[in-house]
Amino acid sequence: MIIKKSFKINAADGNHISNDFFYKEFNKKKPLVIISHGFKANKDWGFFPYSARKICEAGFLVITFNFSM
């Protein structure tokens, strides 16, 4: 079962960066994949959520985030 945790990182100017963390087992060492979107997208658009889950199923930890805050 893939678990998705959403979290925010606060910026100095009062904005925040939205992130999603996907994992199956957190107590084991695994490589981390960071998925970043292109110019006209966001972390919840198109194939990004699907890709994050598939990469996680393959045994990786995955973080997606939004550049646009």
C-alpha atoms as a PDB file:
ATOM      1  CA  MET A   1       0.000   0.000   0.000  1.00  0.00           C
ATOM      2  CA  ILE A   2       1.377   3.366  -1.042  1.00  0.00           C
ATOM      3  CA  ILE A   3       1.133   6.091   1.592  1.00  0.00           C
ATOM      4  CA  LYS A   4       0.983   9.761   0.577  1.00  0.00           C
ATOM      5  CA  LYS A   5       1.764  12.497   3.098  1.00  0.00           C
ATOM      6  CA  SER A   6       1.352  16.142   2.148  1.00  0.00           C
ATOM      7  CA  PHE A   7       3.443  18.821   3.823  1.00  0.00           C
ATOM      8  CA  LYS A   8       4.438  22.454   3.358  1.00  0.00           C
ATOM      9  CA  ILE A   9       7.762  24.229   3.639  1.00  0.00           C
ATOM     10  CA  ASN A  10       7.439  27.837   4.769  1.00  0.00           C
ATOM     11  CA  ALA A  11       9.443  30.451   2.883  1.00  0.00           C
ATOM     12  CA  ALA A  12      10.900  33.588   4.439  1.00  0.00           C
ATOM     13  CA  ASP A  13       8.446  35.824   2.551  1.00  0.00           C
ATOM     14  CA  GLY A  14       5.390  34.116   4.082  1.00  0.00           C
ATOM     15  CA  ASN A  15       4.611  31.862   1.109  1.00  0.00           C
ATOM     16  CA  HIS A  16       4.935  28.098   1.244  1.00  0.00           C
ATOM     17  CA  ILE A  17       5.970  25.247  -1.042  1.00  0.00           C
ATOM     18  CA  SER A  18       3.452  22.381  -1.258  1.00  0.00           C
ATOM     19  CA  ASN A  19       4.950  18.877  -1.267  1.00  0.00           C
ATOM     20  CA  ASP A  20       3.781  15.264  -1.372  1.00  0.00           C
ATOM     21  CA  PHE A  21       5.834  12.377   0.020  1.00  0.00           C
ATOM     22  CA  PHE A  22       5.071   8.849  -1.241  1.00  0.00           C
ATOM     23  CA  TYR A  23       6.354   5.734   0.536  1.00  0.00           C
ATOM     24  CA  LYS A  24       5.565   2.102   1.275  1.00  0.00           C
ATOM     25  CA  GLU A  25       7.935   1.386   4.153  1.00  0.00           C
ATOM     26  CA  PHE A  26       9.691   4.222   5.900  1.00  0.00           C
ATOM     27  CA  ASN A  27      11.881   2.204   8.274  1.00  0.00           C
ATOM     28  CA  LYS A  28      14.209   0.893   5.533  1.00  0.00           C
ATOM     29  CA  LYS A  29      16.875   2.757   3.582  1.00  0.00           C
ATOM     30  CA  LYS A  30      15.729   3.433   0.029  1.00  0.00           C
ATOM     31  CA  PRO A  31      16.802   5.780  -2.740  1.00  0.00           C
ATOM     32  CA  LEU A  32      14.859   9.025  -3.092  1.00  0.00           C
ATOM     33  CA  VAL A  33      13.383  10.297  -6.371  1.00  0.00           C
ATOM     34  CA  ILE A  34      12.387  13.975  -6.587  1.00  0.00           C
ATOM     35  CA  ILE A  35       9.834  14.727  -9.309  1.00  0.00           C
ATOM     36  CA  SER A  36       9.734  18.331 -10.468  1.00  0.00           C
ATOM     37  CA  HIS A  37       7.253  19.611 -13.039  1.00  0.00           C
ATOM     38  CA  GLY A  38       7.782  21.829 -16.049  1.00  0.00           C
ATOM     39  CA  PHE A  39       6.734  25.383 -16.844  1.00  0.00           C
ATOM     40  CA  LYS A  40       2.939  24.987 -17.145  1.00  0.00           C
ATOM     41  CA  ALA A  41       2.209  22.183 -14.692  1.00  0.00           C
ATOM     42  CA  ASN A  42       1.970  21.356 -10.999  1.00  0.00           C
ATOM     43  CA  LYS A  43       2.580  18.299  -8.822  1.00  0.00           C
ATOM     44  CA  ASP A  44      -1.055  17.163  -9.140  1.00  0.00           C
ATOM     45  CA  TRP A  45      -1.321  17.566 -12.922  1.00  0.00           C
ATOM     46  CA  GLY A  46      -1.294  14.898 -15.633  1.00  0.00           C
ATOM     47  CA  PHE A  47       1.001  11.933 -15.127  1.00  0.00           C
ATOM     48  CA  PHE A  48       2.876  13.244 -12.056  1.00  0.00           C
ATOM     49  CA  PRO A  49       0.736  11.541  -9.353  1.00  0.00           C
ATOM     50  CA  TYR A  50       0.607   8.303 -11.393  1.00  0.00           C
ATOM     51  CA  SER A  51       4.366   8.379 -11.971  1.00  0.00           C
ATOM     52  CA  ALA A  52       5.064   9.028  -8.293  1.00  0.00           C
ATOM     53  CA  ARG A  53       2.989   6.007  -7.253  1.00  0.00           C
ATOM     54  CA  LYS A  54       4.566   3.721  -9.887  1.00  0.00           C
ATOM     55  CA  ILE A  55       8.089   4.763  -8.915  1.00  0.00           C
ATOM     56  CA  CYS A  56       7.202   4.177  -5.261  1.00  0.00           C
ATOM     57  CA  GLU A  57       5.862   0.696  -6.078  1.00  0.00           C
ATOM     58  CA  ALA A  58       9.251  -0.032  -7.660  1.00  0.00           C
ATOM     59  CA  GLY A  59      10.911   0.491  -4.262  1.00  0.00           C
ATOM     60  CA  PHE A  60      11.804   4.183  -4.129  1.00  0.00           C
ATOM     61  CA  LEU A  61      10.811   7.054  -1.858  1.00  0.00           C
ATOM     62  CA  VAL A  62       9.271   9.880  -3.901  1.00  0.00           C
ATOM     63  CA  ILE A  63       8.785  13.602  -3.292  1.00  0.00           C
ATOM     64  CA  THR A  64       6.807  15.874  -5.623  1.00  0.00           C
ATOM     65  CA  PHE A  65       6.506  19.630  -5.151  1.00  0.00           C
ATOM     66  CA  ASN A  66       5.160  22.809  -6.710  1.00  0.00           C
ATOM     67  CA  PHE A  67       7.584  25.504  -7.828  1.00  0.00           C
ATOM     68  CA  SER A  68       4.862  28.150  -7.894  1.00  0.00           C
ATOM     69  CA  MET A  69       4.148  28.111  -4.161  1.00  0.00           C
END
